[in-house]
Amino acid sequence: MNDFGNTKFFEVDTEPEVGVKEVLETVYEALVEKGYNPINQIVGYIMSGDPTYITSHNNARSLIMRVERDELVEELLVEYIDINGWN
């Protein structure tokens, strides 16, 4: 007999959230390891949205696609501003 009087819990194991900064670091390192110019490749990805700018080495391509491109730009701008002491 089914028990419809109680709520059942359903859990799905999800991967831990990775911060934007960590994503950029991992992607940068993967691009360098494969011999690419990481600046050119990351800019190409941000401008076009084409994930083939990012190597699949060390899962970098799927990792960067978990982050919205505007979040990548925001993180880069925040770091740039911090480094230059503009805040």
PDB file of N, CA and C in Angstrom:
ATOM      1  N   MET A   1       0.837  -1.183   0.000  1.00  0.00           N
ATOM      2  CA  MET A   1       0.000   0.000   0.000  1.00  0.00           C
ATOM      3  C   MET A   1       0.884   1.250   0.000  1.00  0.00           C
ATOM      4  N   ASN A   2       0.546   2.246  -0.820  1.00  0.00           N
ATOM      5  CA  ASN A   2       1.328   3.477  -0.929  1.00  0.00           C
ATOM      6  C   ASN A   2       0.988   4.431   0.189  1.00  0.00           C
ATOM      7  N   ASP A   3       2.007   5.132   0.669  1.00  0.00           N
ATOM      8  CA  ASP A   3       1.835   6.126   1.726  1.00  0.00           C
ATOM      9  C   ASP A   3       1.860   7.510   1.081  1.00  0.00           C
ATOM     10  N   PHE A   4       0.698   8.061   0.781  1.00  0.00           N
ATOM     11  CA  PHE A   4       0.611   9.365   0.140  1.00  0.00           C
ATOM     12  C   PHE A   4       0.477  10.499   1.144  1.00  0.00           C
ATOM     13  N   GLY A   5       0.511  10.194   2.419  1.00  0.00           N
ATOM     14  CA  GLY A   5       0.348  11.216   3.442  1.00  0.00           C
ATOM     15  C   GLY A   5       1.635  11.903   3.832  1.00  0.00           C
ATOM     16  N   ASN A   6       2.776  11.349   3.462  1.00  0.00           N
ATOM     17  CA  ASN A   6       4.062  11.932   3.841  1.00  0.00           C
ATOM     18  C   ASN A   6       4.817  12.426   2.610  1.00  0.00           C
ATOM     19  N   THR A   7       5.549  13.484   2.826  1.00  0.00           N
ATOM     20  CA  THR A   7       6.377  14.026   1.765  1.00  0.00           C
ATOM     21  C   THR A   7       7.680  13.247   1.711  1.00  0.00           C
ATOM     22  N   LYS A   8       8.065  12.877   0.520  1.00  0.00           N
ATOM     23  CA  LYS A   8       9.333  12.188   0.346  1.00  0.00           C
ATOM     24  C   LYS A   8      10.367  13.194  -0.135  1.00  0.00           C
ATOM     25  N   PHE A   9      11.606  12.994   0.263  1.00  0.00           N
ATOM     26  CA  PHE A   9      12.690  13.871  -0.133  1.00  0.00           C
ATOM     27  C   PHE A   9      13.440  13.260  -1.300  1.00  0.00           C
ATOM     28  N   PHE A  10      13.765  14.109  -2.229  1.00  0.00           N
ATOM     29  CA  PHE A  10      14.517  13.692  -3.405  1.00  0.00           C
ATOM     30  C   PHE A  10      15.787  14.520  -3.446  1.00  0.00           C
ATOM     31  N   GLU A  11      16.946  13.874  -3.419  1.00  0.00           N
ATOM     32  CA  GLU A  11      18.214  14.591  -3.443  1.00  0.00           C
ATOM     33  C   GLU A  11      18.986  14.231  -4.698  1.00  0.00           C
ATOM     34  N   VAL A  12      19.593  15.235  -5.264  1.00  0.00           N
ATOM     35  CA  VAL A  12      20.452  15.034  -6.419  1.00  0.00           C
ATOM     36  C   VAL A  12      21.831  15.549  -6.034  1.00  0.00           C
ATOM     37  N   ASP A  13      22.830  14.712  -6.191  1.00  0.00           N
ATOM     38  CA  ASP A  13      24.191  15.156  -5.923  1.00  0.00           C
ATOM     39  C   ASP A  13      24.631  16.070  -7.048  1.00  0.00           C
ATOM     40  N   THR A  14      25.054  17.254  -6.679  1.00  0.00           N
ATOM     41  CA  THR A  14      25.525  18.211  -7.673  1.00  0.00           C
ATOM     42  C   THR A  14      26.990  18.501  -7.418  1.00  0.00           C
ATOM     43  N   GLU A  15      27.659  18.927  -8.483  1.00  0.00           N
ATOM     44  CA  GLU A  15      29.052  19.290  -8.342  1.00  0.00           C
ATOM     45  C   GLU A  15      29.138  20.597  -7.573  1.00  0.00           C
ATOM     46  N   PRO A  16      30.194  20.764  -6.789  1.00  0.00           N
ATOM     47  CA  PRO A  16      30.339  22.019  -6.044  1.00  0.00           C
ATOM     48  C   PRO A  16      30.510  23.200  -6.988  1.00  0.00           C
ATOM     49  N   GLU A  17      29.991  24.337  -6.573  1.00  0.00           N
ATOM     50  CA  GLU A  17      30.112  25.552  -7.362  1.00  0.00           C
ATOM     51  C   GLU A  17      31.579  25.970  -7.406  1.00  0.00           C
ATOM     52  N   VAL A  18      32.029  26.352  -8.563  1.00  0.00           N
ATOM     53  CA  VAL A  18      33.388  26.838  -8.726  1.00  0.00           C
ATOM     54  C   VAL A  18      33.295  28.323  -9.022  1.00  0.00           C
ATOM     55  N   GLY A  19      34.098  29.117  -8.321  1.00  0.00           N
ATOM     56  CA  GLY A  19      34.071  30.560  -8.509  1.00  0.00           C
ATOM     57  C   GLY A  19      34.642  30.967  -9.854  1.00  0.00           C
ATOM     58  N   VAL A  20      34.265  32.142 -10.293  1.00  0.00           N
ATOM     59  CA  VAL A  20      34.701  32.660 -11.590  1.00  0.00           C
ATOM     60  C   VAL A  20      36.217  32.790 -11.629  1.00  0.00           C
ATOM     61  N   LYS A  21      36.790  33.252 -10.539  1.00  0.00           N
ATOM     62  CA  LYS A  21      38.241  33.426 -10.485  1.00  0.00           C
ATOM     63  C   LYS A  21      38.953  32.084 -10.666  1.00  0.00           C
ATOM     64  N   GLU A  22      38.448  31.052 -10.012  1.00  0.00           N
ATOM     65  CA  GLU A  22      39.046  29.723 -10.134  1.00  0.00           C
ATOM     66  C   GLU A  22      38.891  29.169 -11.552  1.00  0.00           C
ATOM     67  N   VAL A  23      37.750  29.448 -12.162  1.00  0.00           N
ATOM     68  CA  VAL A  23      37.526  29.013 -13.545  1.00  0.00           C
ATOM     69  C   VAL A  23      38.554  29.669 -14.466  1.00  0.00           C
ATOM     70  N   LEU A  24      38.723  30.976 -14.323  1.00  0.00           N
ATOM     71  CA  LEU A  24      39.694  31.679 -15.171  1.00  0.00           C
ATOM     72  C   LEU A  24      41.107  31.160 -14.956  1.00  0.00           C
ATOM     73  N   GLU A  25      41.471  30.900 -13.708  1.00  0.00           N
ATOM     74  CA  GLU A  25      42.808  30.379 -13.415  1.00  0.00           C
ATOM     75  C   GLU A  25      43.020  29.010 -14.068  1.00  0.00           C
ATOM     76  N   THR A  26      42.039  28.134 -13.936  1.00  0.00           N
ATOM     77  CA  THR A  26      42.143  26.791 -14.499  1.00  0.00           C
ATOM     78  C   THR A  26      42.222  26.838 -16.021  1.00  0.00           C
ATOM     79  N   VAL A  27      41.376  27.646 -16.633  1.00  0.00           N
ATOM     80  CA  VAL A  27      41.360  27.774 -18.092  1.00  0.00           C
ATOM     81  C   VAL A  27      42.671  28.368 -18.583  1.00  0.00           C
ATOM     82  N   TYR A  28      43.147  29.397 -17.912  1.00  0.00           N
ATOM     83  CA  TYR A  28      44.413  30.034 -18.275  1.00  0.00           C
ATOM     84  C   TYR A  28      45.542  29.012 -18.256  1.00  0.00           C
ATOM     85  N   GLU A  29      45.642  28.257 -17.176  1.00  0.00           N
ATOM     86  CA  GLU A  29      46.700  27.251 -17.038  1.00  0.00           C
ATOM     87  C   GLU A  29      46.595  26.169 -18.120  1.00  0.00           C
ATOM     88  N   ALA A  30      45.374  25.735 -18.417  1.00  0.00           N
ATOM     89  CA  ALA A  30      45.183  24.709 -19.449  1.00  0.00           C
ATOM     90  C   ALA A  30      45.616  25.229 -20.817  1.00  0.00           C
ATOM     91  N   LEU A  31      45.305  26.471 -21.112  1.00  0.00           N
ATOM     92  CA  LEU A  31      45.697  27.054 -22.394  1.00  0.00           C
ATOM     93  C   LEU A  31      47.214  27.176 -22.508  1.00  0.00           C
ATOM     94  N   VAL A  32      47.857  27.605 -21.422  1.00  0.00           N
ATOM     95  CA  VAL A  32      49.318  27.709 -21.419  1.00  0.00           C
ATOM     96  C   VAL A  32      49.947  26.330 -21.606  1.00  0.00           C
ATOM     97  N   GLU A  33      49.432  25.334 -20.897  1.00  0.00           N
ATOM     98  CA  GLU A  33      49.962  23.971 -21.009  1.00  0.00           C
ATOM     99  C   GLU A  33      49.882  23.437 -22.435  1.00  0.00           C
ATOM    100  N   LYS A  34      48.846  23.821 -23.167  1.00  0.00           N
ATOM    101  CA  LYS A  34      48.678  23.351 -24.536  1.00  0.00           C
ATOM    102  C   LYS A  34      49.386  24.246 -25.560  1.00  0.00           C
ATOM    103  N   GLY A  35      50.041  25.314 -25.090  1.00  0.00           N
ATOM    104  CA  GLY A  35      50.821  26.171 -25.982  1.00  0.00           C
ATOM    105  C   GLY A  35      50.056  27.299 -26.642  1.00  0.00           C
ATOM    106  N   TYR A  36      48.869  27.582 -26.178  1.00  0.00           N
ATOM    107  CA  TYR A  36      48.072  28.677 -26.732  1.00  0.00           C
ATOM    108  C   TYR A  36      48.387  29.986 -26.018  1.00  0.00           C
ATOM    109  N   ASN A  37      48.068  31.100 -26.667  1.00  0.00           N
ATOM    110  CA  ASN A  37      48.139  32.403 -26.020  1.00  0.00           C
ATOM    111  C   ASN A  37      46.836  32.564 -25.243  1.00  0.00           C
ATOM    112  N   PRO A  38      46.884  32.462 -23.919  1.00  0.00           N
ATOM    113  CA  PRO A  38      45.642  32.446 -23.139  1.00  0.00           C
ATOM    114  C   PRO A  38      44.835  33.737 -23.239  1.00  0.00           C
ATOM    115  N   ILE A  39      45.500  34.865 -23.360  1.00  0.00           N
ATOM    116  CA  ILE A  39      44.780  36.140 -23.465  1.00  0.00           C
ATOM    117  C   ILE A  39      43.948  36.157 -24.745  1.00  0.00           C
ATOM    118  N   ASN A  40      44.593  35.843 -25.869  1.00  0.00           N
ATOM    119  CA  ASN A  40      43.875  35.838 -27.151  1.00  0.00           C
ATOM    120  C   ASN A  40      42.708  34.856 -27.135  1.00  0.00           C
ATOM    121  N   GLN A  41      42.926  33.680 -26.582  1.00  0.00           N
ATOM    122  CA  GLN A  41      41.898  32.647 -26.594  1.00  0.00           C
ATOM    123  C   GLN A  41      40.718  33.022 -25.700  1.00  0.00           C
ATOM    124  N   ILE A  42      41.000  33.536 -24.521  1.00  0.00           N
ATOM    125  CA  ILE A  42      39.918  33.915 -23.600  1.00  0.00           C
ATOM    126  C   ILE A  42      39.133  35.096 -24.160  1.00  0.00           C
ATOM    127  N   VAL A  43      39.830  36.072 -24.728  1.00  0.00           N
ATOM    128  CA  VAL A  43      39.147  37.210 -25.355  1.00  0.00           C
ATOM    129  C   VAL A  43      38.278  36.720 -26.516  1.00  0.00           C
ATOM    130  N   GLY A  44      38.805  35.835 -27.324  1.00  0.00           N
ATOM    131  CA  GLY A  44      38.021  35.283 -28.436  1.00  0.00           C
ATOM    132  C   GLY A  44      36.758  34.612 -27.944  1.00  0.00           C
ATOM    133  N   TYR A  45      36.874  33.851 -26.862  1.00  0.00           N
ATOM    134  CA  TYR A  45      35.693  33.191 -26.299  1.00  0.00           C
ATOM    135  C   TYR A  45      34.688  34.214 -25.764  1.00  0.00           C
ATOM    136  N   ILE A  46      35.170  35.193 -25.014  1.00  0.00           N
ATOM    137  CA  ILE A  46      34.257  36.190 -24.429  1.00  0.00           C
ATOM    138  C   ILE A  46      33.545  36.976 -25.528  1.00  0.00           C
ATOM    139  N   MET A  47      34.270  37.358 -26.566  1.00  0.00           N
ATOM    140  CA  MET A  47      33.676  38.172 -27.630  1.00  0.00           C
ATOM    141  C   MET A  47      32.686  37.385 -28.485  1.00  0.00           C
ATOM    142  N   SER A  48      32.994  36.122 -28.759  1.00  0.00           N
ATOM    143  CA  SER A  48      32.168  35.366 -29.705  1.00  0.00           C
ATOM    144  C   SER A  48      31.212  34.376 -29.057  1.00  0.00           C
ATOM    145  N   GLY A  49      31.582  33.891 -27.867  1.00  0.00           N
ATOM    146  CA  GLY A  49      30.784  32.840 -27.235  1.00  0.00           C
ATOM    147  C   GLY A  49      31.084  31.464 -27.800  1.00  0.00           C
ATOM    148  N   ASP A  50      32.049  31.379 -28.707  1.00  0.00           N
ATOM    149  CA  ASP A  50      32.413  30.110 -29.330  1.00  0.00           C
ATOM    150  C   ASP A  50      33.345  29.333 -28.403  1.00  0.00           C
ATOM    151  N   PRO A  51      32.888  28.220 -27.855  1.00  0.00           N
ATOM    152  CA  PRO A  51      33.705  27.478 -26.887  1.00  0.00           C
ATOM    153  C   PRO A  51      34.944  26.819 -27.486  1.00  0.00           C
ATOM    154  N   THR A  52      35.041  26.771 -28.819  1.00  0.00           N
ATOM    155  CA  THR A  52      36.222  26.147 -29.406  1.00  0.00           C
ATOM    156  C   THR A  52      37.475  27.007 -29.236  1.00  0.00           C
ATOM    157  N   TYR A  53      37.338  28.230 -28.770  1.00  0.00           N
ATOM    158  CA  TYR A  53      38.505  29.035 -28.420  1.00  0.00           C
ATOM    159  C   TYR A  53      39.216  28.465 -27.193  1.00  0.00           C
ATOM    160  N   ILE A  54      38.520  27.677 -26.417  1.00  0.00           N
ATOM    161  CA  ILE A  54      39.062  27.129 -25.170  1.00  0.00           C
ATOM    162  C   ILE A  54      39.357  25.646 -25.370  1.00  0.00           C
ATOM    163  N   THR A  55      40.544  25.238 -24.970  1.00  0.00           N
ATOM    164  CA  THR A  55      40.934  23.842 -25.086  1.00  0.00           C
ATOM    165  C   THR A  55      40.087  22.963 -24.169  1.00  0.00           C
ATOM    166  N   SER A  56      39.934  21.726 -24.574  1.00  0.00           N
ATOM    167  CA  SER A  56      39.234  20.780 -23.711  1.00  0.00           C
ATOM    168  C   SER A  56      40.186  20.141 -22.697  1.00  0.00           C
ATOM    169  N   HIS A  57      41.475  20.460 -22.810  1.00  0.00           N
ATOM    170  CA  HIS A  57      42.497  19.959 -21.882  1.00  0.00           C
ATOM    171  C   HIS A  57      42.124  20.319 -20.437  1.00  0.00           C
ATOM    172  N   ASN A  58      42.245  19.354 -19.565  1.00  0.00           N
ATOM    173  CA  ASN A  58      41.896  19.524 -18.140  1.00  0.00           C
ATOM    174  C   ASN A  58      40.459  20.007 -17.937  1.00  0.00           C
ATOM    175  N   ASN A  59      39.584  19.674 -18.879  1.00  0.00           N
ATOM    176  CA  ASN A  59      38.168  19.996 -18.770  1.00  0.00           C
ATOM    177  C   ASN A  59      37.890  21.511 -18.795  1.00  0.00           C
ATOM    178  N   ALA A  60      38.838  22.280 -19.346  1.00  0.00           N
ATOM    179  CA  ALA A  60      38.725  23.740 -19.325  1.00  0.00           C
ATOM    180  C   ALA A  60      37.513  24.249 -20.091  1.00  0.00           C
ATOM    181  N   ARG A  61      37.222  23.629 -21.230  1.00  0.00           N
ATOM    182  CA  ARG A  61      36.100  24.104 -22.054  1.00  0.00           C
ATOM    183  C   ARG A  61      34.771  23.955 -21.329  1.00  0.00           C
ATOM    184  N   SER A  62      34.524  22.791 -20.756  1.00  0.00           N
ATOM    185  CA  SER A  62      33.243  22.599 -20.069  1.00  0.00           C
ATOM    186  C   SER A  62      33.177  23.438 -18.795  1.00  0.00           C
ATOM    187  N   LEU A  63      34.326  23.680 -18.186  1.00  0.00           N
ATOM    188  CA  LEU A  63      34.361  24.500 -16.974  1.00  0.00           C
ATOM    189  C   LEU A  63      33.994  25.948 -17.283  1.00  0.00           C
ATOM    190  N   ILE A  64      34.580  26.513 -18.343  1.00  0.00           N
ATOM    191  CA  ILE A  64      34.309  27.916 -18.661  1.00  0.00           C
ATOM    192  C   ILE A  64      32.869  28.117 -19.127  1.00  0.00           C
ATOM    193  N   MET A  65      32.284  27.071 -19.704  1.00  0.00           N
ATOM    194  CA  MET A  65      30.906  27.200 -20.179  1.00  0.00           C
ATOM    195  C   MET A  65      29.888  27.205 -19.033  1.00  0.00           C
ATOM    196  N   ARG A  66      30.314  26.885 -17.832  1.00  0.00           N
ATOM    197  CA  ARG A  66      29.423  26.946 -16.662  1.00  0.00           C
ATOM    198  C   ARG A  66      29.235  28.371 -16.157  1.00  0.00           C
ATOM    199  N   VAL A  67      30.083  29.271 -16.643  1.00  0.00           N
ATOM    200  CA  VAL A  67      30.067  30.661 -16.189  1.00  0.00           C
ATOM    201  C   VAL A  67      29.567  31.537 -17.333  1.00  0.00           C
ATOM    202  N   GLU A  68      28.690  32.460 -17.018  1.00  0.00           N
ATOM    203  CA  GLU A  68      28.214  33.405 -18.032  1.00  0.00           C
ATOM    204  C   GLU A  68      29.366  34.313 -18.459  1.00  0.00           C
ATOM    205  N   ARG A  69      29.390  34.665 -19.723  1.00  0.00           N
ATOM    206  CA  ARG A  69      30.482  35.500 -20.233  1.00  0.00           C
ATOM    207  C   ARG A  69      30.536  36.854 -19.557  1.00  0.00           C
ATOM    208  N   ASP A  70      29.389  37.428 -19.220  1.00  0.00           N
ATOM    209  CA  ASP A  70      29.412  38.728 -18.537  1.00  0.00           C
ATOM    210  C   ASP A  70      30.022  38.607 -17.141  1.00  0.00           C
ATOM    211  N   GLU A  71      29.895  37.449 -16.518  1.00  0.00           N
ATOM    212  CA  GLU A  71      30.535  37.234 -15.222  1.00  0.00           C
ATOM    213  C   GLU A  71      32.057  37.177 -15.368  1.00  0.00           C
ATOM    214  N   LEU A  72      32.524  36.617 -16.466  1.00  0.00           N
ATOM    215  CA  LEU A  72      33.958  36.596 -16.732  1.00  0.00           C
ATOM    216  C   LEU A  72      34.492  38.017 -16.894  1.00  0.00           C
ATOM    217  N   VAL A  73      33.796  38.825 -17.684  1.00  0.00           N
ATOM    218  CA  VAL A  73      34.210  40.212 -17.898  1.00  0.00           C
ATOM    219  C   VAL A  73      34.188  40.973 -16.577  1.00  0.00           C
ATOM    220  N   GLU A  74      33.149  40.767 -15.783  1.00  0.00           N
ATOM    221  CA  GLU A  74      33.046  41.446 -14.492  1.00  0.00           C
ATOM    222  C   GLU A  74      34.221  41.102 -13.586  1.00  0.00           C
ATOM    223  N   GLU A  75      34.561  39.823 -13.505  1.00  0.00           N
ATOM    224  CA  GLU A  75      35.676  39.395 -12.656  1.00  0.00           C
ATOM    225  C   GLU A  75      36.987  40.014 -13.124  1.00  0.00           C
ATOM    226  N   LEU A  76      37.201  40.014 -14.434  1.00  0.00           N
ATOM    227  CA  LEU A  76      38.422  40.606 -14.979  1.00  0.00           C
ATOM    228  C   LEU A  76      38.493  42.103 -14.692  1.00  0.00           C
ATOM    229  N   LEU A  77      37.386  42.794 -14.824  1.00  0.00           N
ATOM    230  CA  LEU A  77      37.347  44.229 -14.567  1.00  0.00           C
ATOM    231  C   LEU A  77      37.567  44.536 -13.089  1.00  0.00           C
ATOM    232  N   VAL A  78      36.953  43.772 -12.219  1.00  0.00           N
ATOM    233  CA  VAL A  78      37.135  43.964 -10.769  1.00  0.00           C
ATOM    234  C   VAL A  78      38.606  43.800 -10.401  1.00  0.00           C
ATOM    235  N   GLU A  79      39.237  42.752 -10.911  1.00  0.00           N
ATOM    236  CA  GLU A  79      40.658  42.524 -10.630  1.00  0.00           C
ATOM    237  C   GLU A  79      41.513  43.670 -11.166  1.00  0.00           C
ATOM    238  N   TYR A  80      41.211  44.129 -12.362  1.00  0.00           N
ATOM    239  CA  TYR A  80      41.961  45.227 -12.968  1.00  0.00           C
ATOM    240  C   TYR A  80      41.849  46.491 -12.125  1.00  0.00           C
ATOM    241  N   ILE A  81      40.649  46.793 -11.684  1.00  0.00           N
ATOM    242  CA  ILE A  81      40.422  47.970 -10.853  1.00  0.00           C
ATOM    243  C   ILE A  81      41.147  47.844  -9.514  1.00  0.00           C
ATOM    244  N   ASP A  82      41.089  46.669  -8.905  1.00  0.00           N
ATOM    245  CA  ASP A  82      41.773  46.432  -7.638  1.00  0.00           C
ATOM    246  C   ASP A  82      43.289  46.601  -7.779  1.00  0.00           C
ATOM    247  N   ILE A  83      43.838  46.019  -8.840  1.00  0.00           N
ATOM    248  CA  ILE A  83      45.285  46.093  -9.057  1.00  0.00           C
ATOM    249  C   ILE A  83      45.745  47.546  -9.236  1.00  0.00           C
ATOM    250  N   ASN A  84      44.927  48.334  -9.913  1.00  0.00           N
ATOM    251  CA  ASN A  84      45.291  49.732 -10.172  1.00  0.00           C
ATOM    252  C   ASN A  84      44.894  50.683  -9.053  1.00  0.00           C
ATOM    253  N   GLY A  85      44.252  50.155  -8.014  1.00  0.00           N
ATOM    254  CA  GLY A  85      43.899  50.968  -6.851  1.00  0.00           C
ATOM    255  C   GLY A  85      42.864  52.040  -7.118  1.00  0.00           C
ATOM    256  N   TRP A  86      41.960  51.764  -8.032  1.00  0.00           N
ATOM    257  CA  TRP A  86      40.949  52.751  -8.380  1.00  0.00           C
ATOM    258  C   TRP A  86      39.718  52.721  -7.498  1.00  0.00           C
ATOM    259  N   ASN A  87      39.705  51.844  -6.523  1.00  0.00           N
ATOM    260  CA  ASN A  87      38.502  51.801  -5.671  1.00  0.00           C
ATOM    261  C   ASN A  87      38.792  52.209  -4.270  1.00  0.00           C
TER     262      ASN A  87
END
